[in-house]
Every structure is written in C-alpha cells, then in structure tokens.
Protein backbone atom coordinates (compact mmCIF):
# COMPACT_ATOMS: atom_id res chain seq x y z
CA MET A 1 4.55 21.39 37.18
CA ASP A 2 5.95 19.90 40.52
CA ASP A 3 9.53 18.65 40.48
CA GLY A 4 10.78 15.56 42.25
CA PRO A 5 9.51 11.88 42.56
CA PHE A 6 5.88 11.04 42.99
CA PRO A 7 4.14 7.65 43.93
CA THR A 8 1.37 6.35 41.53
CA ASN A 9 -0.69 3.18 41.19
CA VAL A 10 -2.27 4.06 37.85
CA PRO A 11 -0.38 1.28 35.83
CA ALA A 12 -1.38 -1.33 38.39
CA ARG A 13 -4.95 -0.21 38.30
CA LEU A 14 -5.07 -0.52 34.48
CA ASP A 15 -3.80 -4.05 34.73
CA ARG A 16 -6.44 -5.31 37.17
CA LEU A 17 -9.37 -4.17 35.17
CA ARG A 18 -11.90 -6.72 33.56
CA TRP A 19 -12.67 -6.36 29.99
CA SER A 20 -15.27 -3.67 29.42
CA SER A 21 -17.06 -1.59 26.92
CA PHE A 22 -14.02 0.77 27.06
CA HIS A 23 -11.68 -1.80 25.87
CA SER A 24 -13.97 -2.88 23.01
CA SER A 25 -14.24 0.73 21.84
CA LEU A 26 -10.51 1.17 21.98
CA ILE A 27 -10.03 -1.94 19.80
CA ALA A 28 -12.74 -0.75 17.44
CA ALA A 29 -11.28 2.73 16.93
CA LEU A 30 -7.59 1.66 16.73
CA GLY A 31 -7.71 -1.84 15.47
CA THR A 32 -9.97 -1.00 12.68
CA SER A 33 -6.97 0.83 11.14
CA TRP A 34 -5.37 -2.59 10.60
CA ILE A 35 -8.43 -3.84 8.82
CA ILE A 36 -8.30 -0.82 6.47
CA ASP A 37 -4.56 -1.31 5.95
CA GLY A 38 -5.15 -5.02 5.09
CA LEU A 39 -7.89 -4.06 2.47
CA GLU A 40 -5.69 -1.40 0.83
CA VAL A 41 -2.52 -3.63 0.76
CA THR A 42 -4.37 -6.56 -0.52
CA LEU A 43 -5.72 -4.48 -3.36
CA VAL A 44 -2.13 -3.72 -4.32
CA GLY A 45 -1.27 -7.33 -4.12
CA SER A 46 -4.23 -8.29 -6.35
CA LEU A 47 -3.71 -5.50 -8.77
CA GLY A 48 -0.05 -6.18 -9.19
CA SER A 49 -0.47 -7.87 -12.53
CA VAL A 50 -3.33 -5.53 -13.55
CA LEU A 51 -0.92 -2.49 -13.20
CA THR A 52 1.38 -4.18 -15.86
CA LEU A 53 -1.36 -3.86 -18.57
CA PRO A 54 -1.19 -1.13 -21.12
CA THR A 55 -4.68 0.06 -20.10
CA ALA A 56 -3.47 0.75 -16.54
CA LEU A 57 0.05 2.11 -15.80
CA GLY A 58 2.04 -0.46 -17.91
CA LEU A 59 4.42 -1.31 -15.09
CA THR A 60 7.04 -4.02 -15.61
CA PRO A 61 7.19 -6.97 -13.10
CA SER A 62 10.34 -5.35 -11.67
CA GLU A 63 8.57 -2.01 -11.25
CA VAL A 64 5.72 -3.74 -9.43
CA GLY A 65 8.33 -5.01 -6.98
CA GLU A 66 9.91 -1.55 -6.80
CA VAL A 67 6.37 -0.05 -5.95
CA ALA A 68 6.20 -2.47 -3.12
CA GLY A 69 9.67 -1.55 -1.98
CA ALA A 70 8.77 2.06 -2.06
CA TYR A 71 5.76 1.35 0.24
CA VAL A 72 7.88 -0.40 2.67
CA ALA A 73 10.57 2.28 2.54
CA GLY A 74 7.96 4.90 3.41
CA ALA A 75 6.72 2.87 6.25
CA VAL A 76 10.32 2.67 7.63
CA MET A 77 10.70 6.30 7.58
CA GLY A 78 7.13 7.10 8.76
CA ALA A 79 7.64 4.81 11.64
CA VAL A 80 10.84 6.45 12.90
CA LEU A 81 9.29 10.00 12.45
CA PHE A 82 5.99 9.41 13.94
CA GLY A 83 7.21 6.93 16.67
CA GLY A 84 9.41 9.62 18.08
CA LEU A 85 6.62 12.14 17.92
CA ALA A 86 4.19 9.71 19.82
CA ASP A 87 6.70 9.50 22.63
CA ARG A 88 7.27 13.19 22.79
CA TYR A 89 3.75 14.62 22.16
CA GLY A 90 1.48 11.70 23.05
CA ARG A 91 -0.19 8.74 21.42
CA ARG A 92 -3.60 10.28 20.77
CA ARG A 93 -2.34 13.24 18.52
CA LEU A 94 -0.52 10.89 16.24
CA PHE A 95 -3.66 8.72 15.83
CA PHE A 96 -5.10 11.43 13.60
CA VAL A 97 -2.06 12.56 11.74
CA THR A 98 -0.84 8.99 10.74
CA LEU A 99 -4.37 7.91 9.53
CA GLY A 100 -4.97 11.20 7.64
CA VAL A 101 -1.60 10.93 5.79
CA TYR A 102 -2.41 7.31 4.98
CA ALA A 103 -5.79 8.00 3.65
CA ALA A 104 -4.88 10.89 1.59
CA ALA A 105 -1.95 9.16 -0.10
CA THR A 106 -4.09 6.08 -0.80
CA ILE A 107 -6.74 8.23 -2.75
CA ALA A 108 -3.86 9.99 -4.65
CA SER A 109 -2.62 6.57 -5.66
CA GLY A 110 -5.87 5.90 -7.49
CA LEU A 111 -5.51 9.37 -9.33
CA ALA A 112 -1.82 8.54 -10.28
CA PRO A 113 -1.17 9.67 -14.01
CA ASN A 114 2.14 7.74 -14.30
CA TYR A 115 4.69 5.51 -12.54
CA PRO A 116 6.78 8.22 -10.90
CA PHE A 117 3.62 9.84 -9.20
CA PHE A 118 2.22 6.34 -8.21
CA LEU A 119 5.66 5.39 -6.68
CA ALA A 120 5.69 8.56 -4.59
CA MET A 121 2.12 8.08 -3.35
CA ARG A 122 2.93 4.58 -2.37
CA PHE A 123 5.97 5.89 -0.25
CA LEU A 124 3.62 8.29 1.57
CA THR A 125 0.97 5.56 2.11
CA GLY A 126 3.82 3.56 3.68
CA ALA A 127 4.77 6.42 5.82
CA GLY A 128 1.24 6.79 7.22
CA ILE A 129 0.87 3.15 8.10
CA GLY A 130 4.41 2.95 9.64
CA GLY A 131 3.36 5.72 12.12
CA GLU A 132 0.29 3.83 12.84
CA TYR A 133 2.12 0.76 13.94
CA ALA A 134 4.18 2.74 16.47
CA ALA A 135 1.42 4.87 17.98
CA ILE A 136 -1.27 2.20 18.01
CA ASN A 137 0.65 -0.69 19.29
CA SER A 138 2.15 1.35 22.18
CA ALA A 139 -1.33 2.70 23.04
CA ILE A 140 -2.97 -0.69 23.04
CA GLN A 141 -0.35 -2.36 25.11
CA GLU A 142 -0.54 0.56 27.65
CA PHE A 143 -4.24 0.22 28.09
CA MET A 144 -4.57 -3.62 28.06
CA PRO A 145 -4.68 -5.41 31.40
CA ALA A 146 -1.44 -7.59 31.63
CA ARG A 147 -3.15 -11.01 31.66
CA LEU A 148 -4.84 -10.16 28.31
CA ARG A 149 -2.16 -8.17 26.68
CA GLY A 150 -0.70 -10.89 24.49
CA ARG A 151 -3.82 -12.19 22.88
CA VAL A 152 -5.30 -8.77 22.47
CA ASP A 153 -2.10 -7.51 20.63
CA LEU A 154 -1.88 -10.50 18.54
CA ALA A 155 -5.61 -10.34 17.52
CA VAL A 156 -5.38 -6.64 16.69
CA ASN A 157 -2.31 -7.16 14.48
CA GLY A 158 -3.94 -10.14 12.92
CA SER A 159 -7.20 -8.28 12.11
CA PHE A 160 -4.95 -6.91 9.16
CA TRP A 161 -6.23 -10.00 7.44
CA VAL A 162 -9.89 -9.45 7.87
CA GLY A 163 -9.22 -6.43 5.81
CA ALA A 164 -7.06 -8.55 3.41
CA ALA A 165 -10.04 -10.85 2.72
CA ALA A 166 -12.19 -7.84 2.13
CA GLY A 167 -9.58 -6.44 -0.21
CA ALA A 168 -9.37 -9.77 -2.07
CA ALA A 169 -13.18 -9.75 -2.62
CA ALA A 170 -13.10 -6.01 -3.63
CA ALA A 171 -10.25 -6.69 -6.12
CA VAL A 172 -12.62 -9.28 -7.85
CA PHE A 173 -15.45 -6.67 -7.85
CA PHE A 174 -13.34 -3.73 -9.06
CA LEU A 175 -11.66 -5.78 -11.81
CA ASP A 176 -14.97 -7.11 -13.21
CA THR A 177 -14.80 -5.61 -16.66
CA GLU A 178 -18.68 -5.72 -16.91
CA LEU A 179 -18.88 -3.24 -14.06
CA PHE A 180 -15.82 -1.14 -14.50
CA ALA A 181 -13.64 -0.23 -17.56
CA PRO A 182 -10.12 -1.68 -17.28
CA ALA A 183 -8.65 1.69 -17.18
CA TRP A 184 -10.70 2.68 -14.13
CA GLY A 185 -11.39 -0.26 -12.02
CA TRP A 186 -7.99 -0.28 -10.19
CA ARG A 187 -8.13 3.47 -9.64
CA PHE A 188 -11.70 3.12 -7.88
CA ALA A 189 -10.29 0.33 -5.81
CA PHE A 190 -7.56 2.76 -4.25
CA ILE A 191 -9.95 5.71 -3.97
CA VAL A 192 -12.62 3.55 -2.04
CA GLY A 193 -10.05 2.30 0.28
CA GLY A 194 -8.82 5.81 1.14
CA LEU A 195 -12.28 6.84 1.72
CA LEU A 196 -12.75 4.03 4.19
CA ALA A 197 -9.73 4.93 6.09
CA MET A 198 -10.93 8.54 6.39
CA GLY A 199 -14.26 7.12 7.86
CA VAL A 200 -12.35 5.66 10.77
CA LEU A 201 -11.01 8.98 12.00
CA PRO A 202 -14.29 10.16 13.78
CA LEU A 203 -14.08 6.87 15.95
CA ARG A 204 -10.88 8.04 17.45
CA ARG A 205 -12.26 11.23 18.93
CA PHE A 206 -13.37 9.23 21.99
CA ILE A 207 -10.09 7.51 22.77
CA PRO A 208 -8.28 9.20 25.62
CA GLU A 209 -4.49 9.80 26.01
CA SER A 210 -2.69 6.92 27.55
CA PRO A 211 -2.57 7.44 31.29
CA ARG A 212 0.96 5.87 31.46
CA TRP A 213 2.14 8.59 29.03
CA LEU A 214 0.61 11.24 30.89
CA LEU A 215 2.45 10.24 34.07
CA LEU A 216 5.70 10.86 32.29
CA GLN A 217 4.52 14.57 31.56
CA ARG A 218 3.84 14.86 35.38
CA ARG A 219 -0.01 15.20 34.37
CA GLN A 220 -0.90 12.87 37.29
CA GLY A 221 -4.41 14.73 37.69
CA GLU A 222 -5.37 14.13 34.10
CA ALA A 223 -4.12 10.54 34.18
CA GLU A 224 -6.31 9.94 37.23
CA ARG A 225 -9.41 11.51 35.75
CA ILE A 226 -8.98 9.35 32.70
CA LEU A 227 -8.57 6.20 34.76
CA LEU A 228 -11.68 6.98 36.91
CA GLY A 229 -13.71 7.24 33.74
CA ILE A 230 -12.36 3.86 32.54
CA GLU A 231 -13.02 2.33 36.00
CA SER A 232 -16.55 3.56 36.00
CA ARG A 233 -17.14 1.30 32.86
CA ALA A 234 -14.98 -1.74 33.90
CA GLN A 235 -15.02 -3.92 37.04
CA VAL A 236 -12.02 -4.53 39.14
CA LEU A 237 -10.65 -8.07 39.59
CA HIS A 238 -11.29 -9.26 43.13
CA GLY A 239 -8.04 -9.78 45.14
CA GLU A 240 -5.92 -7.66 42.90
CA ALA A 241 -4.05 -5.04 44.91
CA ALA A 242 -2.89 -1.82 43.37
CA SER A 243 0.87 -1.71 43.57
CA THR A 244 2.58 1.65 43.73
CA ILE A 245 5.59 2.74 41.78
CA LEU A 246 7.70 5.83 42.19
CA LEU A 247 8.40 7.90 39.17
CA ASP A 248 10.73 10.87 38.71
CA PRO A 249 10.06 12.07 35.00
CA ARG A 250 12.59 14.41 33.61
CA GLU A 251 13.20 15.89 30.26
CA HIS A 252 12.28 14.09 27.06
CA VAL A 253 14.61 11.06 26.29
CA GLY A 254 16.69 12.22 23.37
CA TRP A 255 17.82 10.12 20.40
CA PHE A 256 21.26 9.45 21.82
CA GLU A 257 19.97 8.65 25.21
CA LEU A 258 17.50 6.30 23.59
CA LEU A 259 20.30 4.49 21.77
CA GLY A 260 21.97 4.04 25.27
CA VAL A 261 18.86 2.70 26.93
CA LEU A 262 18.32 0.22 24.18
CA VAL A 263 21.86 -0.93 23.57
CA ARG A 264 23.58 -0.58 26.94
CA ARG A 265 20.72 -1.86 29.22
CA TYR A 266 19.02 -4.25 26.84
CA PRO A 267 21.52 -5.84 24.39
CA ARG A 268 19.95 -9.15 24.38
CA ARG A 269 16.56 -7.75 23.75
CA VAL A 270 17.86 -5.65 20.99
CA ALA A 271 19.34 -8.77 19.29
CA LEU A 272 16.06 -10.60 19.69
CA GLY A 273 13.88 -7.76 18.42
CA LEU A 274 16.00 -7.24 15.27
CA SER A 275 15.96 -10.98 14.62
CA LEU A 276 12.24 -11.31 14.99
CA MET A 277 11.25 -8.21 13.01
CA GLY A 278 13.82 -8.66 10.25
CA ALA A 279 12.83 -12.35 9.54
CA GLN A 280 9.16 -11.89 9.41
CA ALA A 281 9.38 -8.76 7.43
CA PHE A 282 11.37 -10.57 4.63
CA LEU A 283 9.12 -13.45 4.52
CA TYR A 284 5.86 -11.38 4.40
CA ASN A 285 6.94 -8.76 2.07
CA ALA A 286 8.74 -11.08 -0.26
CA ILE A 287 5.75 -13.47 -0.73
CA PHE A 288 2.77 -11.27 -0.04
CA PHE A 289 3.64 -8.45 -2.52
CA THR A 290 4.54 -10.89 -5.36
CA TYR A 291 1.59 -13.32 -4.62
CA ALA A 292 -0.36 -12.12 -7.79
CA LEU A 293 2.67 -12.44 -9.98
CA VAL A 294 3.42 -16.09 -9.05
CA LEU A 295 -0.25 -17.05 -9.66
CA THR A 296 -0.50 -15.29 -13.03
CA ARG A 297 3.03 -16.16 -14.42
CA TYR A 298 3.43 -19.80 -13.24
CA TYR A 299 -0.23 -20.97 -12.92
CA GLU A 300 -1.73 -18.73 -15.61
CA VAL A 301 -4.64 -17.52 -13.20
CA ALA A 302 -6.55 -14.63 -14.76
CA GLU A 303 -5.81 -11.20 -13.24
CA GLY A 304 -9.38 -10.86 -12.36
CA ARG A 305 -9.43 -14.03 -10.30
CA VAL A 306 -6.44 -13.41 -8.21
CA GLY A 307 -8.40 -12.07 -5.40
CA LEU A 308 -10.33 -15.27 -5.00
CA PHE A 309 -7.06 -17.06 -4.13
CA LEU A 310 -6.21 -14.38 -1.58
CA LEU A 311 -9.38 -15.23 0.51
CA PRO A 312 -8.11 -18.64 1.97
CA PHE A 313 -4.62 -17.15 2.38
CA ALA A 314 -6.11 -14.32 4.39
CA ALA A 315 -8.28 -16.59 6.41
CA GLY A 316 -5.11 -18.55 7.41
CA ASN A 317 -3.28 -15.30 8.56
CA PHE A 318 -6.23 -14.18 10.54
CA LEU A 319 -6.97 -17.41 12.26
CA GLY A 320 -3.43 -17.89 13.40
CA PRO A 321 -3.09 -14.96 15.80
CA LEU A 322 -6.79 -15.31 16.86
CA LEU A 323 -6.49 -18.97 17.94
CA LEU A 324 -2.81 -19.08 18.92
CA GLY A 325 -2.94 -15.64 20.76
CA PRO A 326 -4.35 -16.91 24.08
CA LEU A 327 -1.51 -19.46 24.22
CA PHE A 328 1.11 -16.50 24.33
CA ASP A 329 -0.63 -15.64 27.76
CA GLN A 330 -1.05 -19.05 29.00
CA ILE A 331 2.03 -21.25 27.87
CA GLY A 332 4.33 -18.23 27.58
CA ARG A 333 6.11 -16.00 25.14
CA ARG A 334 9.26 -17.98 24.77
CA VAL A 335 7.75 -21.19 23.83
CA MET A 336 5.07 -19.82 21.54
CA ILE A 337 7.43 -17.33 19.70
CA THR A 338 10.11 -20.06 19.17
CA MET A 339 7.50 -22.69 18.04
CA THR A 340 5.62 -20.27 15.52
CA TYR A 341 8.84 -19.09 13.94
CA ALA A 342 10.34 -22.49 13.51
CA LEU A 343 7.22 -23.96 12.06
CA SER A 344 6.82 -21.06 9.64
CA GLY A 345 10.42 -21.54 8.43
CA THR A 346 10.18 -25.34 8.02
CA LEU A 347 6.82 -25.13 6.17
CA ILE A 348 7.82 -22.35 3.81
CA ILE A 349 10.93 -24.35 2.77
CA VAL A 350 8.84 -27.52 2.25
CA THR A 351 6.35 -25.40 0.06
CA GLY A 352 9.27 -24.12 -1.93
CA LEU A 353 10.58 -27.60 -2.63
CA LEU A 354 7.10 -28.60 -3.97
CA PHE A 355 6.88 -25.46 -5.99
CA LYS A 356 10.33 -26.15 -7.60
CA ALA A 357 9.24 -29.54 -8.52
CA ASP A 358 6.20 -28.23 -10.15
CA MET A 359 4.04 -30.57 -7.95
CA LEU A 360 1.45 -27.80 -7.01
CA THR A 361 -1.65 -26.32 -8.71
CA PRO A 362 -2.96 -22.88 -7.95
CA GLN A 363 -5.33 -24.38 -5.33
CA THR A 364 -2.83 -26.50 -3.60
CA GLN A 365 -0.13 -23.66 -3.72
CA THR A 366 -2.70 -21.45 -1.98
CA LEU A 367 -3.57 -24.01 0.54
CA ALA A 368 0.16 -24.53 1.36
CA TRP A 369 0.57 -20.83 1.78
CA SER A 370 -2.44 -20.60 4.03
CA VAL A 371 -1.05 -23.38 6.41
CA VAL A 372 2.42 -21.56 6.47
CA PHE A 373 0.83 -18.22 7.34
CA PHE A 374 -1.37 -19.57 9.95
CA PHE A 375 1.80 -19.87 12.04
CA ALA A 376 3.77 -17.07 10.47
CA SER A 377 1.01 -14.55 11.15
CA ALA A 378 1.08 -15.39 14.84
CA ALA A 379 4.94 -15.12 14.70
CA ALA A 380 4.91 -11.67 12.97
CA SER A 381 2.33 -10.29 15.37
CA SER A 382 4.35 -11.54 18.38
CA ALA A 383 7.32 -9.59 17.14
CA TYR A 384 5.33 -6.38 17.56
CA LEU A 385 4.16 -7.47 20.98
CA THR A 386 7.91 -8.29 21.96
CA VAL A 387 9.42 -4.97 20.99
CA GLY A 388 6.55 -3.05 22.64
CA GLU A 389 6.90 -5.06 25.97
CA TYR A 390 10.62 -5.22 26.36
CA PHE A 391 11.44 -1.51 26.54
CA PRO A 392 10.67 1.36 28.92
CA LEU A 393 7.56 3.43 28.83
CA GLU A 394 9.49 6.60 27.90
CA VAL A 395 10.68 5.17 24.54
CA ARG A 396 8.00 2.42 23.82
CA ALA A 397 6.64 3.98 20.63
CA SER A 398 10.03 4.91 19.51
CA ALA A 399 11.46 1.30 20.27
CA ILE A 400 8.59 -0.16 18.25
CA ALA A 401 9.18 2.24 15.34
CA TRP A 402 13.06 1.73 15.39
CA PHE A 403 12.64 -2.04 15.33
CA TYR A 404 9.98 -1.95 12.78
CA ALA A 405 12.15 0.33 10.67
CA ILE A 406 15.49 -1.63 11.02
CA GLY A 407 13.77 -5.01 10.64
CA THR A 408 11.77 -3.79 7.73
CA ALA A 409 14.66 -2.17 6.08
CA LEU A 410 16.69 -5.29 6.34
CA GLY A 411 14.00 -7.67 5.11
CA GLY A 412 11.00 -5.71 3.85
CA ILE A 413 12.59 -3.53 1.22
CA ALA A 414 14.82 -6.15 -0.13
CA GLY A 415 12.20 -8.97 -0.06
CA PRO A 416 9.77 -7.65 -2.85
CA ILE A 417 12.55 -6.35 -5.00
CA VAL A 418 14.56 -9.63 -4.81
CA PHE A 419 11.45 -11.71 -5.33
CA GLY A 420 10.28 -9.48 -8.21
CA HIS A 421 13.44 -10.22 -10.18
CA LEU A 422 13.36 -14.02 -9.26
CA ILE A 423 10.00 -14.33 -10.62
CA ALA A 424 10.63 -12.25 -13.67
CA SER A 425 13.42 -14.74 -14.49
CA GLY A 426 10.80 -17.40 -14.99
CA ASP A 427 13.05 -20.01 -13.32
CA ARG A 428 11.24 -22.01 -10.56
CA GLY A 429 14.64 -22.99 -9.06
CA GLU A 430 15.46 -19.26 -8.59
CA VAL A 431 12.20 -18.52 -6.99
CA PHE A 432 12.74 -21.47 -4.60
CA MET A 433 16.04 -19.70 -3.50
CA GLY A 434 13.96 -16.80 -2.30
CA TYR A 435 11.65 -19.27 -0.32
CA ALA A 436 14.66 -21.02 1.19
CA LEU A 437 16.16 -17.67 2.28
CA GLY A 438 12.83 -16.62 3.99
CA GLY A 439 12.60 -19.87 5.73
CA GLY A 440 16.16 -19.90 6.86
CA LEU A 441 15.68 -16.37 8.38
CA MET A 442 12.67 -17.53 10.30
CA LEU A 443 14.50 -20.57 11.71
CA ALA A 444 17.38 -18.50 12.77
CA ALA A 445 14.98 -16.11 14.54
CA ALA A 446 13.49 -19.08 16.26
CA VAL A 447 16.85 -20.16 17.73
CA VAL A 448 17.47 -16.49 18.94
CA ALA A 449 13.93 -16.44 20.61
CA LEU A 450 14.71 -19.80 22.35
CA PHE A 451 17.66 -18.38 24.18
CA LEU A 452 16.85 -14.63 24.53
CA ALA A 453 13.08 -14.30 24.84
CA VAL A 454 11.81 -13.00 28.13
CA ASP A 455 8.83 -14.68 30.18
CA SER A 456 6.77 -11.48 30.02
CA GLU A 457 3.24 -13.12 30.08
CA ARG A 458 0.86 -11.79 32.64
CA ARG A 459 3.29 -9.30 33.91
CA SER A 460 2.85 -5.59 33.98
CA LEU A 461 4.83 -3.43 31.51
CA GLU A 462 6.64 -1.73 34.36
CA ALA A 463 7.73 -5.27 35.69
CA VAL A 464 8.98 -6.29 32.28
CA ALA A 465 10.91 -3.11 31.59
CA ALA A 466 11.09 -0.53 34.37
CA PRO A 467 10.54 3.04 33.41
CA ALA A 468 13.87 4.64 32.92
CA ARG A 469 12.84 7.48 35.28
CA ALA A 470 11.64 5.12 38.01
CA VAL A 471 13.12 6.17 41.33
CA ARG A 472 13.25 2.58 42.50
CA ASN A 473 11.98 -0.60 40.93
CA ARG A 474 10.63 -2.53 43.84
CA VAL A 475 6.96 -1.75 44.25
CA ALA A 476 5.14 -1.19 47.50
CA VAL A 477 1.81 -2.98 47.58
CA THR A 478 -1.03 -0.94 48.67
CA SER A 479 -4.75 -0.87 48.25
CA ARG A 480 -6.44 1.88 46.61
CA ARG A 481 -7.60 3.03 50.05
CA ALA A 482 -4.12 3.61 51.37
CA THR A 483 -3.98 6.19 54.03
CA SER A 484 -2.70 9.62 53.19
CA GLY A 485 0.14 9.06 55.73
CA ARG A 486 1.33 5.99 53.87
CA VAL A 487 1.30 7.90 50.60
CA ARG A 488 3.33 10.87 52.28
CA SER A 489 5.70 8.18 53.68
CA LEU A 490 6.33 6.93 50.12
CA ALA A 491 6.74 10.37 48.75
CA ARG A 492 9.35 11.11 51.55
CA SER A 493 11.17 7.80 50.68
CA ALA A 494 11.16 8.80 47.04
CA LEU A 495 12.65 12.12 47.77
CA ARG A 496 15.43 10.66 49.86
CA SER A 497 16.25 8.07 47.10
CA SER A 498 16.13 10.81 44.46
CA GLU A 499 19.21 12.32 46.18
CA ALA A 500 21.35 9.56 44.83
CA PRO A 501 21.31 9.79 41.03
CA ALA A 502 22.28 6.20 40.50
CA THR A 503 19.01 5.02 41.93
CA ARG A 504 17.09 6.49 38.94
CA GLN A 505 18.62 4.30 36.40
CA GLN A 506 18.52 0.86 38.14
CA GLN A 507 18.24 -2.22 36.05
CA PRO A 508 14.82 -3.61 35.61
CA PRO A 509 13.47 -6.56 37.64
CA ILE A 510 13.58 -8.89 34.56
CA GLN A 511 16.78 -8.69 32.58
CA PRO A 512 17.61 -11.64 30.55
C-alpha cells in the first residue's frame, strides 16, 4: 500500500450521478431492514397488553416497560460496538452481521419460556438494530448524490413505518383467537418477523463497499472499479465537474482521537446532535412502546384490536418524512429541522392537555397522535441525517452510533420505563406530565437547531465536514478527462503540503 497523499475525484463523481437502478437496488437492500424493524417493533407495541395475560408470559405493565427499555439499551450498546466496527472494517461486512443478530434474537423472542429469557432476547434484538442504524445510514449517505441526500435519507428512515403498518395488521391476524391459540399467536408473530428479516440477507450480496470508505484504506483501484460499475448504470448530470480532493489516510482513528475530533473540532455540532437525538428518542420510545397500554387501560380497547389503531398512526409517521423530505433539500436543513421539532413539541403538549381533560376517544386520540408524528417522524429522521452529515468520513458510522447511543440512553431508555409507571398509576394527570416532558424536550431541541444547525443541503459530505485526513480542504476543480500532467502536479502539491503536519488537520470549510 503506497504512502503519501493522493488526489481523488471519487466523491464528486458519486455526487453528480442521476438516480439509477443502482440507487434503487441499494435502497431495496438496505432500506428494507427498516421496514422489517418497523414490523417487528410494532408487533411488540401491539402485543404489550397481550404479554400481560396469564396465557402468555404474565408480565406486569412495569415489566412491559422494562422489556422496551432492554430493547433500547441493547440498541445503544449495539450501535457503539457495530458503529466502530463499520468504520474500521467497512460498511458492507456489518450489513450481514447486524441483520443476522437481529433476526436470530427476534426468533428466539418468540420461543422465550419466561420473562428473564425474553428480556435478554429483546436486548440482543436491540443490539442488532442499533448496529443497523450506524452501518446503513453511513452507507446510504456516502452513496447518495448530494442534491438528493436529505430526501432519500428521510424516506429510508421513514420506511420503518411501512413495516409498522404491516406489523399492526399482522398483530390483528396473529391475535385472532379463531386462527391461533392465545398462548401461541404472539410467539408466531415474533418468529415470522425474524424469518422475514433473514429473507433480506440475500439482497445485500449485491451491494458493494462504500467507495468513500475504500479511499481511507488506500484502496483507490477498488473504489474506482466500483464507481465505474455504478456509472455504467447511471447518467452523469450535464455541466457537473468532478472536483478533486487530496487525501492522506493514516492509521485507524482511535476512540480517544474520535473524541477529540468530535469535541474539539465540532463542539456546536456535538451539542446539536445530542439535543436532536435525545429529544426524539424520549418522545418516540415513551409514547410508542406504551401505546397499547394507553388504549387498553384508558379506553378499554380490546387487545386484539390494538393493531387497527396503529395503522393511522403508522401512516402519519411514514407520510411525514416522505412528503416533507424534499423540503429539507429545497428550503434547507436549518428551517425544516427547527420547524418539525417545534411543531411536534407544541402538538404533543396540546394532545396531552386534551387527554388529561378526558376529551378524547380512542379514535380522536389516535388521530391526534397521527398528526403529531407526521411532523415528529420527519424530525426524528432528520436527526440521523444530521449526525451523519456533520462529521468526517473516517468516523461517520461511529459518530452516528455514539449520538444514537447517547441520545437514546438519555431519552430512550428512561422514556418507556417512566411512561410504564405513569400509566400503571391510572392517573391521567401523571400521564400528561410525561407528554409535557416529551414536548418540552422537542421545543428545546428546536431552539438549539435554530442557532446551531448547518446549511448542508445540496453540499457534498466532504464540504460539510472535510475528511480528518484531507491534506487540504480547498478543492481543485477538474474534469474527468484531466491530463496526466495535471494529476501529477496535484500529487506533487499534495506531497509538499504533507511536509507540514498542521495542514492535515485544517478546519472544514463549513464550521458553525
């Protein structure tokens, strides 16, 4: 492997591609995992009240909340572990490991003989999906053209709710006592969900490694071959020049260096990422994982019909990122992140006040939640987009993992447990305090976004956050037919620049 800086236009060539069959295949293979996750997690939400029955596992409402907390705790640890491995060993390898862990643990959940085993399997299921978030979000962002990155990333994250709708319908099917015995219906639901996840694995065989990641390993030839294969299936936008950057990859970025990169170079971005991830994690996990308990305890909805109420809720969550996603590329990140977080926070507090006053029916409660999460789903998806865009290539998956882990640990683990105990109290006023807390966190995150968000729309990832190992951050615009003399000149310039160590760690061109 050659040492020293080298010029490359691979990132710019990825950014100027038109949408093609390759991009569709990528979304099908990677985004499908979100659909499967939505299906499986919604089954848990729908089955929450069923698991309390003596014919099932006989859980208490508090134990249902603890199971949800274990799932989130597993996701936190899985994200950190697999996110670091994705940066070190590549995105592609982790696609198979994380989905395999997730599928196996889900099937085992359906075979659980008791509460402790079920709790452990939910933890492992969470670990698999936590790793998926880090590896898949980083890969999708690194393959997508800059002008489409926002809408695609939001749509992929929002596709979770396509699976959620399927999971809601599946819950009604598996809980039909005329088709399945009460002791077995919930078990079949988990087992089928895990088998569907395993069915996604073969689709991923055809997804290549990220060319951007390969550049960091000095595997320029492999990156070029993969890109040529993609270009053979996609047209290049006319008038788009391929800008060249100079990279000088070194050893793997360690944990202590990662902390330095994130905190010293990007303190404002760190504050923003934690605010966005923590707020949405609390709101989602608190409400979603206890959804069935609210319907059954306060509205006396039959356990077998809870899934029907999840259908409109899931529709609102999917339509939000799908319809609002293009605006993140057109109007801009700062405006849209601030707006979606602020509207979500305001609407959930209003809904909580109506709930406290006992002014809602099961139908109007579900409608109110659907409206709230039309905006909240776009907000939550934008949090993953933000933490992926804002940090260098070398640590992208790790950054997504750490922000997901810390934000989820702050908001996601506490949310279900707190709400589980509030609902168990039977006091509407106490449940409202949970709604108010979730809404307040979303409003606070909106204020932080207003002042700290970066206008990263339609910009290359390298312009938003220059690679930590870039020799220099100013790009030299060249065409793909640049002369060999020009390339040699760039290389000589890179070698001269590399003699001064300080030039390797220059600040990125966009630093809020």
